[in-house]
Amino acid sequence: MDKYTVLLVDDEEEVIHVIMKKINWEGLGFSVVGHANNGVKALELMEEFQPDVVMTDIKMPFMDGMELANRIKAEYPTTKILFFTGFDEFEYAKGAIHLEVEEYILKPVNATELTNVFTELKIKLDREISEKHNKEVLQKYYQESLPLLQANFYSTLIEGNMPEDEIPKYLTNYQISFTGPFYCCLVIHTSSGQVPDDMNYLLLSTSVHKQAEEQLAGKWHAKCFSYLGNIVLLSQLEKETQILELTDDCDRFCKYALNIIGAVVTVGIGPVCDTIPALSQSYSNAREAVQYRVIYGASRAINMQEIVPSEVKESELANDTDLSDLFKMIRLGTEQEVTEAVDSYLKHKAVSNKSLQQHHVDMMELISALYRFAMNNGILNDEFLGDIRKLYSKILDLEPAASRQWLVDISLSFRERMINVRNSSTKSFVSKAKEYVRDNYADEGLSLDSICEVLGVSNSYFSSVFKKETGNSFISYLTDYRMDKASRMLIETNEKSYIIGKDVGYADPNYFSYVFKRRFGMSPSIYRKEHTESEG
């Protein structure tokens, strides 16, 4: 990595400017990506930039440096933290050994000392990156991949070929601890078309495998193995609702893989199940979720039940294997790909010595399969809503060319309806979020976590969709809504500003004033004075 990024945090603007001017950041291999005057603002910048290093003061308004460091270590564990603080806080800061802070620097900041600190930190960061890219380490790790017997058991399990009554025997013989009580399958796909110049695909995918074991497998008690060119994790959950937290962890992992080792990774997440045999269905859905990267983009986690919950039906294709490619193209393909899938299906069904009776059976099975697909996905159109017997009669009388055109038309109609269903589903929960803000903006505890819990979606998925639909993050939308309410109350009522702040969700009057001034460029009292005088 050419340069590492730094975020500076201090409530004294002068201190930040002195640090920025005193240090030859570029010469040391660093760049300052931003600065904040309190811990709350610093967390916003953390989400935006995910810097390699945070250098923070301890004593600050709204959120001090100790709390900020705790939050950073919990949410961004690879970020390095430096404290610079006054002498009277030095012993207090050094007592926080659990934070694993890199260095404690006494104010006033000395340019020579600071240069030495960042020189040593650059060496440490380079060593960590080098270890991740070390080809000999990766090759050795590749040779020492998961034991063959365990990997064979896992692959047989997810393909649904393991007899249920034999599973306990294999778990015992292969010393596998797999107690649940809930399970979920993840499929991690590493792009072979976007590989850094200094690394081949085999080593890159091995590196992703290693990082997945370190960052995901341990926390989620997951079995990690390679299968059909992807990495598969069979994770264990204590509660079914943990799927939201798991989705967010996977989303952060995708961004980490891109930033640190240059890998474009997509994680497909299948539905939660409460039995080990059901992992085969979870795996099938997780693989399908990965394919949705052509719609939702790569370098992210895709939870199948979040994007198209009505599509996850165990029995949907039970007897429709000949149509599975067509259904897949209806979900994910272009119009041309749908048409090609129709032709491929008809070619497969075109047997020269087929009897008229067999042809009728095939057409009835086709209509039945299309009906099940449309019903399971909520996309029934007028033809299928009418008398099915009339539809059977109509199709049975069509000549080959007309029959093909009918199947093309109905498939393209389903494709269009699925696009509309996805779009309306997305807009629906964005509308619900806005409605929830209108009803609960006065609740001080309203946050990204709480709204996602109400809607039953992960933070990462909700945040990406909300920003795409509104052009703004949820927290910014909530803040703007509260500030607009507060500004009207300042003009229309005689309530004191701290009462108004509490009424719009801010228990701390100082923080309310800070946020208001950041939005309108003036304090609440001045805003009230200017606007009431102008009206008078």
Protein backbone atom coordinates (compact mmCIF):
# COMPACT_ATOMS: atom_id res chain seq x y z
CA MET A 1 0.00 0.00 0.00
CA ASP A 2 1.48 3.40 -1.02
CA LYS A 3 -0.14 5.56 1.68
CA TYR A 4 -2.02 4.89 4.89
CA THR A 5 -4.91 7.15 5.89
CA VAL A 6 -5.18 9.13 9.13
CA LEU A 7 -8.16 10.71 10.90
CA LEU A 8 -7.39 13.49 13.42
CA VAL A 9 -9.81 14.15 16.31
CA ASP A 10 -9.54 17.12 18.70
CA ASP A 11 -12.00 19.77 19.85
CA GLU A 12 -9.31 22.44 19.42
CA GLU A 13 -9.10 23.36 15.73
CA GLU A 14 -5.72 25.01 16.25
CA VAL A 15 -4.17 21.78 17.54
CA ILE A 16 -5.34 19.90 14.44
CA HIS A 17 -3.97 22.56 12.08
CA VAL A 18 -0.62 22.58 13.89
CA ILE A 19 -0.32 18.79 13.60
CA MET A 20 -1.22 18.89 9.90
CA LYS A 21 1.42 21.56 9.20
CA LYS A 22 4.20 20.23 11.43
CA ILE A 23 4.37 16.75 9.93
CA ASN A 24 5.53 15.74 6.46
CA TRP A 25 2.70 13.25 6.08
CA GLU A 26 3.44 12.34 2.47
CA GLY A 27 7.09 11.72 3.25
CA LEU A 28 6.10 9.36 6.07
CA GLY A 29 3.72 7.43 3.81
CA PHE A 30 0.47 8.78 5.28
CA SER A 31 -2.32 11.13 4.23
CA VAL A 32 -4.86 12.92 6.44
CA VAL A 33 -8.32 12.09 5.09
CA GLY A 34 -10.27 14.22 7.56
CA HIS A 35 -10.55 15.75 10.99
CA ALA A 36 -13.31 16.05 13.58
CA ASN A 37 -13.84 18.15 16.70
CA ASN A 38 -15.72 15.50 18.70
CA GLY A 39 -16.22 11.74 18.90
CA VAL A 40 -19.69 11.77 17.34
CA LYS A 41 -18.44 13.47 14.18
CA ALA A 42 -15.39 11.16 14.17
CA LEU A 43 -17.63 8.07 14.01
CA GLU A 44 -19.44 9.54 10.98
CA LEU A 45 -16.09 10.01 9.24
CA MET A 46 -15.03 6.47 10.27
CA GLU A 47 -17.99 5.04 8.39
CA GLU A 48 -17.18 7.14 5.32
CA PHE A 49 -13.37 6.73 5.13
CA GLN A 50 -12.47 3.70 7.31
CA PRO A 51 -9.00 5.15 7.99
CA ASP A 52 -6.00 3.02 8.93
CA VAL A 53 -5.07 5.26 11.90
CA VAL A 54 -7.10 7.46 14.27
CA MET A 55 -5.20 10.02 16.37
CA THR A 56 -7.52 11.37 19.04
CA ASP A 57 -7.61 13.61 22.08
CA ILE A 58 -9.25 12.19 25.23
CA LYS A 59 -11.23 15.10 26.66
CA MET A 60 -13.86 16.22 24.09
CA PRO A 61 -17.57 17.18 24.16
CA PHE A 62 -20.44 14.75 23.37
CA MET A 63 -18.16 11.68 23.19
CA ASP A 64 -14.67 11.55 24.72
CA GLY A 65 -11.66 9.80 23.24
CA MET A 66 -11.93 6.71 25.48
CA GLU A 67 -15.49 5.98 24.37
CA LEU A 68 -14.54 6.72 20.76
CA ALA A 69 -11.64 4.25 20.98
CA ASN A 70 -13.94 1.57 22.40
CA ARG A 71 -16.42 2.06 19.53
CA ILE A 72 -13.66 1.97 16.92
CA LYS A 73 -12.13 -1.21 18.32
CA ALA A 74 -15.55 -2.89 18.34
CA GLU A 75 -16.60 -1.85 14.82
CA TYR A 76 -13.22 -1.41 13.03
CA PRO A 77 -10.79 -3.75 14.85
CA THR A 78 -7.94 -3.31 12.33
CA THR A 79 -7.76 0.48 12.83
CA LYS A 80 -4.75 1.69 14.84
CA ILE A 81 -5.40 4.24 17.62
CA LEU A 82 -3.06 6.93 18.99
CA PHE A 83 -3.92 9.07 22.03
CA PHE A 84 -2.50 12.56 22.42
CA THR A 85 -3.47 14.12 25.70
CA GLY A 86 -2.57 16.44 28.56
CA PHE A 87 -0.26 15.32 31.36
CA ASP A 88 -3.06 15.13 33.92
CA GLU A 89 -4.87 12.49 31.78
CA PHE A 90 -1.77 10.49 30.86
CA GLU A 91 -1.89 7.88 33.67
CA TYR A 92 -5.66 7.51 33.19
CA ALA A 93 -5.15 6.84 29.48
CA LYS A 94 -2.34 4.34 30.03
CA GLY A 95 -4.63 2.38 32.34
CA ALA A 96 -6.85 1.50 29.38
CA ILE A 97 -4.65 -1.43 28.35
CA HIS A 98 -7.62 -3.35 26.94
CA LEU A 99 -7.92 -0.80 24.13
CA GLU A 100 -4.57 -1.91 22.66
CA VAL A 101 -3.66 1.71 21.87
CA GLU A 102 -0.50 2.03 19.75
CA GLU A 103 0.96 5.09 21.49
CA TYR A 104 0.28 7.82 24.07
CA ILE A 105 1.61 11.26 23.12
CA LEU A 106 1.73 14.17 25.59
CA LYS A 107 0.62 17.64 24.60
CA PRO A 108 1.98 19.97 23.39
CA VAL A 109 2.70 17.84 20.33
CA ASN A 110 6.39 17.61 19.42
CA ALA A 111 7.05 17.29 15.67
CA THR A 112 10.12 15.09 16.13
CA GLU A 113 8.37 12.72 18.53
CA LEU A 114 5.30 12.53 16.30
CA THR A 115 7.45 11.81 13.24
CA ASN A 116 9.17 8.96 15.09
CA VAL A 117 5.83 7.52 16.20
CA PHE A 118 4.42 7.47 12.64
CA THR A 119 7.70 6.11 11.23
CA GLU A 120 7.44 3.10 13.57
CA LEU A 121 3.72 2.76 12.85
CA LYS A 122 4.39 2.70 9.09
CA ILE A 123 6.86 -0.18 9.59
CA LYS A 124 4.28 -2.10 11.61
CA LEU A 125 1.49 -1.53 9.06
CA ASP A 126 3.80 -2.53 6.19
CA ARG A 127 4.71 -5.73 8.03
CA GLU A 128 1.05 -6.64 8.55
CA ILE A 129 0.20 -6.03 4.89
CA SER A 130 3.30 -7.95 3.79
CA GLU A 131 2.24 -10.95 5.86
CA LYS A 132 -1.13 -10.95 4.14
CA HIS A 133 0.49 -10.83 0.71
CA ASN A 134 3.42 -13.15 1.42
CA LYS A 135 3.17 -15.75 -1.32
CA GLU A 136 5.11 -18.43 0.53
CA VAL A 137 2.77 -18.14 3.54
CA LEU A 138 -0.28 -18.36 1.27
CA GLN A 139 1.09 -21.36 -0.64
CA LYS A 140 1.84 -23.16 2.61
CA TYR A 141 -1.64 -22.34 3.90
CA TYR A 142 -3.16 -23.65 0.68
CA GLN A 143 -1.38 -27.01 1.15
CA GLU A 144 -2.64 -27.15 4.75
CA SER A 145 -6.31 -26.56 3.91
CA LEU A 146 -9.13 -28.31 5.74
CA PRO A 147 -8.82 -32.07 6.25
CA LEU A 148 -10.15 -34.05 3.31
CA LEU A 149 -12.65 -36.12 5.27
CA GLN A 150 -14.29 -33.08 6.88
CA ALA A 151 -14.42 -31.20 3.58
CA ASN A 152 -15.98 -34.21 1.87
CA PHE A 153 -18.61 -34.44 4.63
CA TYR A 154 -19.49 -30.75 4.32
CA SER A 155 -19.77 -30.87 0.52
CA THR A 156 -21.94 -34.00 0.66
CA LEU A 157 -24.12 -32.32 3.29
CA ILE A 158 -24.80 -29.12 1.34
CA GLU A 159 -25.59 -31.06 -1.83
CA GLY A 160 -28.32 -32.90 0.10
CA ASN A 161 -26.70 -36.32 -0.43
CA MET A 162 -26.07 -37.17 3.24
CA PRO A 163 -28.68 -39.53 4.79
CA GLU A 164 -30.10 -37.81 7.84
CA ASP A 165 -29.71 -40.85 10.11
CA GLU A 166 -25.98 -41.08 9.30
CA ILE A 167 -25.14 -37.46 10.17
CA PRO A 168 -24.56 -38.08 13.93
CA LYS A 169 -22.12 -40.91 13.11
CA TYR A 170 -20.03 -38.70 10.80
CA LEU A 171 -20.04 -35.82 13.29
CA THR A 172 -18.62 -38.16 15.93
CA ASN A 173 -16.11 -39.96 13.68
CA TYR A 174 -14.76 -36.72 12.16
CA GLN A 175 -14.72 -34.89 15.55
CA ILE A 176 -16.99 -32.11 14.31
CA SER A 177 -18.79 -29.95 16.87
CA PHE A 178 -21.98 -28.73 15.23
CA THR A 179 -24.63 -28.00 17.86
CA GLY A 180 -26.48 -24.95 16.49
CA PRO A 181 -29.22 -24.54 17.59
CA PHE A 182 -29.65 -22.53 14.36
CA TYR A 183 -27.61 -22.77 11.16
CA CYS A 184 -27.00 -20.64 8.09
CA CYS A 185 -24.94 -21.18 4.94
CA LEU A 186 -22.70 -18.47 3.44
CA VAL A 187 -21.16 -18.62 -0.04
CA ILE A 188 -18.14 -16.33 -0.53
CA HIS A 189 -17.35 -15.60 -4.18
CA THR A 190 -14.01 -14.02 -5.19
CA SER A 191 -13.98 -12.37 -8.62
CA SER A 192 -11.45 -13.92 -11.02
CA GLY A 193 -11.75 -10.98 -13.42
CA GLN A 194 -10.53 -8.31 -10.97
CA VAL A 195 -7.17 -9.43 -9.59
CA PRO A 196 -4.30 -7.11 -8.47
CA ASP A 197 -1.34 -7.03 -10.87
CA ASP A 198 1.10 -8.46 -8.32
CA MET A 199 -0.96 -11.55 -7.43
CA ASN A 200 -2.50 -14.48 -9.29
CA TYR A 201 -6.07 -15.61 -8.68
CA LEU A 202 -5.18 -18.81 -6.83
CA LEU A 203 -3.17 -16.94 -4.20
CA LEU A 204 -5.80 -14.18 -3.97
CA SER A 205 -8.64 -16.63 -3.30
CA THR A 206 -6.45 -18.42 -0.75
CA SER A 207 -5.88 -15.11 1.02
CA VAL A 208 -9.64 -14.45 1.10
CA HIS A 209 -10.13 -17.96 2.54
CA LYS A 210 -7.62 -17.25 5.31
CA GLN A 211 -9.20 -13.90 6.18
CA ALA A 212 -12.69 -15.46 6.20
CA GLU A 213 -11.53 -18.02 8.76
CA GLU A 214 -9.97 -15.31 10.93
CA GLN A 215 -12.79 -12.75 10.80
CA LEU A 216 -15.99 -14.74 10.29
CA ALA A 217 -15.52 -18.42 11.12
CA GLY A 218 -14.43 -17.88 14.73
CA LYS A 219 -17.19 -15.50 15.78
CA TRP A 220 -19.94 -17.50 14.08
CA HIS A 221 -18.59 -20.98 14.97
CA ALA A 222 -18.53 -21.71 11.24
CA LYS A 223 -17.12 -24.62 9.26
CA CYS A 224 -15.09 -23.13 6.41
CA PHE A 225 -14.14 -25.00 3.22
CA SER A 226 -13.69 -24.54 -0.54
CA TYR A 227 -16.30 -25.94 -2.90
CA LEU A 228 -16.91 -25.45 -6.64
CA GLY A 229 -14.60 -22.43 -6.84
CA ASN A 230 -16.18 -20.62 -3.87
CA ILE A 231 -15.62 -20.54 -0.11
CA VAL A 232 -18.52 -21.96 1.92
CA LEU A 233 -19.17 -21.24 5.59
CA LEU A 234 -21.67 -23.28 7.59
CA SER A 235 -22.33 -20.90 10.49
CA GLN A 236 -24.03 -21.53 13.83
CA LEU A 237 -26.37 -19.02 15.50
CA GLU A 238 -27.73 -18.88 19.03
CA LYS A 239 -30.86 -16.99 17.93
CA GLU A 240 -32.62 -16.79 14.58
CA THR A 241 -32.57 -12.98 14.71
CA GLN A 242 -28.73 -12.98 14.65
CA ILE A 243 -28.98 -13.25 10.85
CA LEU A 244 -29.09 -9.42 10.74
CA GLU A 245 -25.81 -9.10 12.65
CA LEU A 246 -24.26 -11.84 10.52
CA THR A 247 -25.26 -9.97 7.35
CA ASP A 248 -23.60 -6.78 8.59
CA ASP A 249 -20.41 -8.67 9.52
CA CYS A 250 -20.29 -10.18 6.02
CA ASP A 251 -20.79 -6.75 4.45
CA ARG A 252 -17.86 -5.34 6.47
CA PHE A 253 -15.76 -8.36 5.46
CA CYS A 254 -16.35 -7.62 1.76
CA LYS A 255 -15.14 -4.03 2.19
CA TYR A 256 -12.14 -5.20 4.23
CA ALA A 257 -11.11 -7.71 1.53
CA LEU A 258 -11.25 -4.98 -1.12
CA ASN A 259 -9.32 -2.40 0.93
CA ILE A 260 -6.58 -4.67 2.30
CA ILE A 261 -5.89 -7.39 -0.28
CA GLY A 262 -7.60 -5.96 -3.37
CA ALA A 263 -10.11 -8.81 -3.71
CA VAL A 264 -13.63 -8.17 -5.08
CA VAL A 265 -15.72 -10.41 -2.85
CA THR A 266 -19.47 -11.08 -2.73
CA VAL A 267 -21.08 -13.03 0.14
CA GLY A 268 -24.39 -14.80 -0.52
CA ILE A 269 -26.41 -15.56 2.61
CA GLY A 270 -29.00 -18.33 2.72
CA PRO A 271 -31.99 -18.54 5.10
CA VAL A 272 -31.62 -19.64 8.73
CA CYS A 273 -32.62 -23.25 9.47
CA ASP A 274 -32.96 -25.28 12.68
CA THR A 275 -31.76 -28.68 11.42
CA ILE A 276 -28.46 -29.77 9.86
CA PRO A 277 -30.04 -31.49 6.82
CA ALA A 278 -31.83 -28.21 5.93
CA LEU A 279 -28.40 -26.64 5.22
CA SER A 280 -28.64 -27.99 1.68
CA GLN A 281 -31.57 -25.63 0.99
CA SER A 282 -29.74 -22.76 2.71
CA TYR A 283 -26.71 -23.44 0.49
CA SER A 284 -28.84 -23.48 -2.66
CA ASN A 285 -30.32 -20.08 -1.77
CA ALA A 286 -26.90 -18.65 -0.80
CA ARG A 287 -25.50 -19.60 -4.23
CA GLU A 288 -28.45 -17.93 -5.90
CA ALA A 289 -27.93 -14.81 -3.75
CA VAL A 290 -24.34 -14.51 -5.08
CA GLN A 291 -25.72 -14.36 -8.62
CA TYR A 292 -27.71 -11.25 -7.66
CA ARG A 293 -24.44 -9.28 -7.70
CA VAL A 294 -25.28 -8.50 -11.34
CA ILE A 295 -28.21 -6.44 -9.97
CA TYR A 296 -27.00 -5.21 -6.57
CA GLY A 297 -23.24 -4.99 -7.23
CA ALA A 298 -20.21 -6.88 -5.88
CA SER A 299 -18.07 -6.19 -2.78
CA ARG A 300 -21.10 -6.59 -0.52
CA ALA A 301 -23.21 -9.15 1.33
CA ILE A 302 -26.51 -10.23 -0.25
CA ASN A 303 -29.10 -11.82 2.04
CA MET A 304 -31.57 -13.74 -0.12
CA GLN A 305 -34.45 -13.20 2.30
CA GLU A 306 -33.90 -9.43 2.33
CA ILE A 307 -33.84 -8.81 -1.41
CA VAL A 308 -36.52 -11.24 -2.62
CA PRO A 309 -38.09 -12.98 0.39
CA SER A 310 -41.00 -14.38 -1.59
CA GLU A 311 -38.64 -16.14 -3.97
CA VAL A 312 -37.18 -18.50 -1.38
CA LYS A 313 -39.51 -21.47 -1.67
CA GLU A 314 -38.27 -25.00 -0.99
CA SER A 315 -40.81 -26.61 -3.29
CA GLU A 316 -40.66 -24.04 -6.05
CA LEU A 317 -38.57 -26.08 -8.49
CA ALA A 318 -39.15 -29.52 -7.04
CA ASN A 319 -40.31 -30.93 -10.39
CA ASP A 320 -39.18 -28.14 -12.68
CA THR A 321 -35.50 -28.95 -13.20
CA ASP A 322 -35.82 -28.59 -16.99
CA LEU A 323 -37.05 -25.02 -16.46
CA SER A 324 -34.54 -23.97 -13.79
CA ASP A 325 -32.32 -22.10 -16.29
CA LEU A 326 -35.30 -20.23 -17.71
CA PHE A 327 -36.51 -19.25 -14.22
CA LYS A 328 -33.01 -18.11 -13.34
CA MET A 329 -32.90 -15.87 -16.42
CA ILE A 330 -36.35 -14.47 -15.61
CA ARG A 331 -34.96 -13.43 -12.23
CA LEU A 332 -31.53 -12.18 -13.28
CA GLY A 333 -31.10 -12.11 -17.05
CA THR A 334 -31.56 -9.58 -19.83
CA GLU A 335 -34.40 -9.82 -22.35
CA GLN A 336 -32.04 -11.53 -24.80
CA GLU A 337 -30.92 -14.06 -22.19
CA VAL A 338 -34.55 -14.87 -21.35
CA THR A 339 -35.29 -15.46 -25.05
CA GLU A 340 -32.21 -17.70 -25.39
CA ALA A 341 -33.28 -19.68 -22.31
CA VAL A 342 -36.71 -20.23 -23.90
CA ASP A 343 -35.09 -21.56 -27.08
CA SER A 344 -32.77 -23.79 -25.07
CA TYR A 345 -35.71 -25.25 -23.12
CA LEU A 346 -37.76 -25.88 -26.27
CA LYS A 347 -34.77 -27.45 -28.02
CA HIS A 348 -34.30 -29.80 -25.07
CA LYS A 349 -37.97 -30.77 -25.22
CA ALA A 350 -38.04 -31.21 -29.01
CA VAL A 351 -37.93 -34.99 -29.49
CA SER A 352 -38.60 -36.15 -33.07
CA ASN A 353 -40.53 -39.30 -32.16
CA LYS A 354 -42.55 -37.72 -29.36
CA SER A 355 -46.21 -38.71 -29.38
CA LEU A 356 -49.08 -36.22 -29.40
CA GLN A 357 -50.02 -37.42 -25.92
CA GLN A 358 -46.48 -36.76 -24.63
CA HIS A 359 -46.56 -33.28 -26.21
CA HIS A 360 -49.80 -32.52 -24.35
CA VAL A 361 -48.28 -33.75 -21.09
CA ASP A 362 -45.18 -31.58 -21.61
CA MET A 363 -47.27 -28.45 -22.29
CA MET A 364 -49.47 -29.05 -19.25
CA GLU A 365 -46.36 -29.51 -17.09
CA LEU A 366 -44.93 -26.27 -18.53
CA ILE A 367 -48.07 -24.29 -17.67
CA SER A 368 -48.18 -25.84 -14.19
CA ALA A 369 -44.52 -24.95 -13.57
CA LEU A 370 -45.05 -21.38 -14.82
CA TYR A 371 -48.12 -21.04 -12.60
CA ARG A 372 -46.21 -22.25 -9.51
CA PHE A 373 -43.32 -19.91 -10.25
CA ALA A 374 -45.64 -16.92 -10.73
CA MET A 375 -47.69 -17.72 -7.64
CA ASN A 376 -44.63 -18.23 -5.40
CA ASN A 377 -43.20 -14.89 -6.52
CA GLY A 378 -46.42 -12.88 -6.49
CA ILE A 379 -46.35 -12.11 -10.23
CA LEU A 380 -49.47 -13.81 -11.61
CA ASN A 381 -50.72 -12.00 -14.73
CA ASP A 382 -54.12 -11.94 -16.41
CA GLU A 383 -53.63 -15.18 -18.32
CA PHE A 384 -52.99 -17.19 -15.18
CA LEU A 385 -55.65 -15.38 -13.15
CA GLY A 386 -58.34 -16.57 -15.57
CA ASP A 387 -59.65 -20.05 -16.30
CA ILE A 388 -56.61 -22.35 -16.46
CA ARG A 389 -58.57 -24.87 -18.54
CA LYS A 390 -59.00 -22.26 -21.30
CA LEU A 391 -55.27 -21.52 -21.15
CA TYR A 392 -54.48 -25.24 -21.52
CA SER A 393 -56.78 -25.47 -24.57
CA LYS A 394 -55.24 -22.36 -26.13
CA ILE A 395 -51.64 -23.55 -25.75
CA LEU A 396 -52.34 -27.10 -26.95
CA ASP A 397 -53.68 -25.72 -30.25
CA LEU A 398 -50.67 -23.48 -30.99
CA GLU A 399 -48.20 -24.38 -33.74
CA PRO A 400 -44.48 -24.54 -32.78
CA ALA A 401 -43.63 -20.93 -33.79
CA ALA A 402 -46.67 -19.49 -32.02
CA SER A 403 -46.02 -21.67 -28.96
CA ARG A 404 -42.43 -20.36 -28.77
CA GLN A 405 -43.61 -16.74 -29.06
CA TRP A 406 -46.16 -17.26 -26.30
CA LEU A 407 -43.49 -18.65 -23.96
CA VAL A 408 -41.13 -15.75 -24.82
CA ASP A 409 -43.88 -13.19 -24.15
CA ILE A 410 -44.99 -14.74 -20.85
CA SER A 411 -41.36 -15.09 -19.65
CA LEU A 412 -40.56 -11.45 -20.47
CA SER A 413 -43.79 -10.41 -18.74
CA PHE A 414 -42.72 -12.29 -15.60
CA ARG A 415 -39.26 -10.70 -15.78
CA GLU A 416 -40.79 -7.21 -15.91
CA ARG A 417 -43.12 -7.97 -13.02
CA MET A 418 -40.25 -9.28 -10.87
CA ILE A 419 -38.30 -6.07 -11.49
CA ASN A 420 -41.35 -4.06 -10.40
CA VAL A 421 -41.84 -6.26 -7.32
CA ARG A 422 -38.22 -5.74 -6.28
CA ASN A 423 -38.45 -1.98 -6.81
CA SER A 424 -41.75 -1.65 -4.95
CA SER A 425 -40.42 -3.78 -2.08
CA THR A 426 -37.39 -1.52 -1.77
CA LYS A 427 -39.49 1.67 -1.89
CA SER A 428 -41.95 0.16 0.58
CA PHE A 429 -39.52 -0.26 3.45
CA VAL A 430 -37.88 3.13 2.71
CA SER A 431 -41.38 4.64 3.02
CA LYS A 432 -41.92 2.70 6.25
CA ALA A 433 -38.65 4.06 7.61
CA LYS A 434 -39.68 7.64 6.79
CA GLU A 435 -43.09 7.06 8.36
CA TYR A 436 -41.43 5.66 11.48
CA VAL A 437 -39.24 8.78 11.71
CA ARG A 438 -42.34 11.01 11.45
CA ASP A 439 -43.95 9.12 14.36
CA ASN A 440 -40.88 8.65 16.57
CA TYR A 441 -38.42 11.50 15.86
CA ALA A 442 -38.78 12.68 19.48
CA ASP A 443 -37.39 9.36 20.76
CA GLU A 444 -33.78 9.96 21.82
CA GLY A 445 -33.03 6.26 21.25
CA LEU A 446 -34.06 6.29 17.58
CA SER A 447 -31.04 5.10 15.60
CA LEU A 448 -29.94 3.07 12.59
CA ASP A 449 -29.90 -0.08 14.74
CA SER A 450 -33.41 0.47 16.11
CA ILE A 451 -35.03 1.21 12.73
CA CYS A 452 -33.39 -1.89 11.21
CA GLU A 453 -34.66 -3.98 14.10
CA VAL A 454 -38.20 -2.66 13.49
CA LEU A 455 -37.99 -3.37 9.75
CA GLY A 456 -36.24 -6.73 10.23
CA VAL A 457 -33.30 -6.00 7.86
CA SER A 458 -29.55 -5.69 8.33
CA ASN A 459 -27.86 -2.30 8.76
CA SER A 460 -25.73 -2.74 5.63
CA TYR A 461 -28.65 -3.60 3.31
CA PHE A 462 -30.93 -0.92 4.73
CA SER A 463 -28.22 1.77 4.55
CA SER A 464 -27.34 1.04 0.90
CA VAL A 465 -30.99 0.95 -0.24
CA PHE A 466 -32.02 4.02 1.78
CA LYS A 467 -29.17 6.08 0.35
CA LYS A 468 -29.88 4.86 -3.18
CA GLU A 469 -33.57 5.80 -2.90
CA THR A 470 -33.19 9.11 -1.03
CA GLY A 471 -29.65 10.27 -1.86
CA ASN A 472 -28.97 10.59 1.87
CA SER A 473 -27.91 8.36 4.77
CA PHE A 474 -30.58 7.46 7.33
CA ILE A 475 -28.83 9.34 10.15
CA SER A 476 -28.55 12.48 7.98
CA TYR A 477 -32.23 12.18 7.04
CA LEU A 478 -33.23 11.78 10.71
CA THR A 479 -31.05 14.74 11.74
CA ASP A 480 -32.45 16.97 8.97
CA TYR A 481 -36.01 15.99 9.91
CA ARG A 482 -35.40 16.82 13.56
CA MET A 483 -33.73 20.13 12.70
CA ASP A 484 -36.59 21.14 10.40
CA LYS A 485 -39.06 20.39 13.21
CA ALA A 486 -36.95 22.35 15.68
CA SER A 487 -36.60 25.37 13.37
CA ARG A 488 -40.39 25.58 12.96
CA MET A 489 -40.94 25.26 16.71
CA LEU A 490 -38.46 28.07 17.38
CA ILE A 491 -40.46 30.39 15.13
CA GLU A 492 -43.97 29.23 15.97
CA THR A 493 -43.68 28.76 19.77
CA ASN A 494 -42.15 30.51 22.76
CA GLU A 495 -40.67 27.33 24.25
CA LYS A 496 -37.10 27.48 25.48
CA SER A 497 -34.55 25.96 23.11
CA TYR A 498 -33.59 23.15 25.49
CA ILE A 499 -37.27 22.09 25.68
CA ILE A 500 -37.50 22.13 21.89
CA GLY A 501 -34.28 20.12 21.70
CA LYS A 502 -35.75 17.49 24.02
CA ASP A 503 -39.00 17.45 21.99
CA VAL A 504 -37.06 16.54 18.83
CA GLY A 505 -34.91 13.82 20.42
CA TYR A 506 -31.92 15.61 21.99
CA ALA A 507 -31.65 15.28 25.77
CA ASP A 508 -28.32 17.16 25.82
CA PRO A 509 -29.04 20.87 25.10
CA ASN A 510 -25.38 21.54 24.22
CA TYR A 511 -25.37 18.79 21.60
CA PHE A 512 -28.70 20.04 20.23
CA SER A 513 -27.20 23.53 19.83
CA TYR A 514 -24.12 22.06 18.18
CA VAL A 515 -26.15 20.06 15.62
CA PHE A 516 -28.52 22.99 14.97
CA LYS A 517 -25.62 25.37 14.34
CA ARG A 518 -23.97 22.88 12.02
CA ARG A 519 -27.21 22.71 9.98
CA PHE A 520 -28.24 26.39 9.93
CA GLY A 521 -24.96 28.19 10.62
CA MET A 522 -26.25 29.88 13.79
CA SER A 523 -27.43 29.03 17.28
CA PRO A 524 -31.14 28.35 18.02
CA SER A 525 -31.52 31.67 19.89
CA ILE A 526 -30.08 33.74 17.03
CA TYR A 527 -32.16 31.77 14.51
CA ARG A 528 -35.34 32.55 16.48
CA LYS A 529 -34.42 36.23 16.81
CA GLU A 530 -33.64 36.70 13.12
CA HIS A 531 -36.72 34.91 11.83
CA THR A 532 -39.23 36.40 14.26
CA GLU A 533 -37.90 39.91 13.64
CA SER A 534 -38.06 39.46 9.86
CA GLU A 535 -41.69 38.32 10.13
CA GLY A 536 -42.55 41.19 12.40
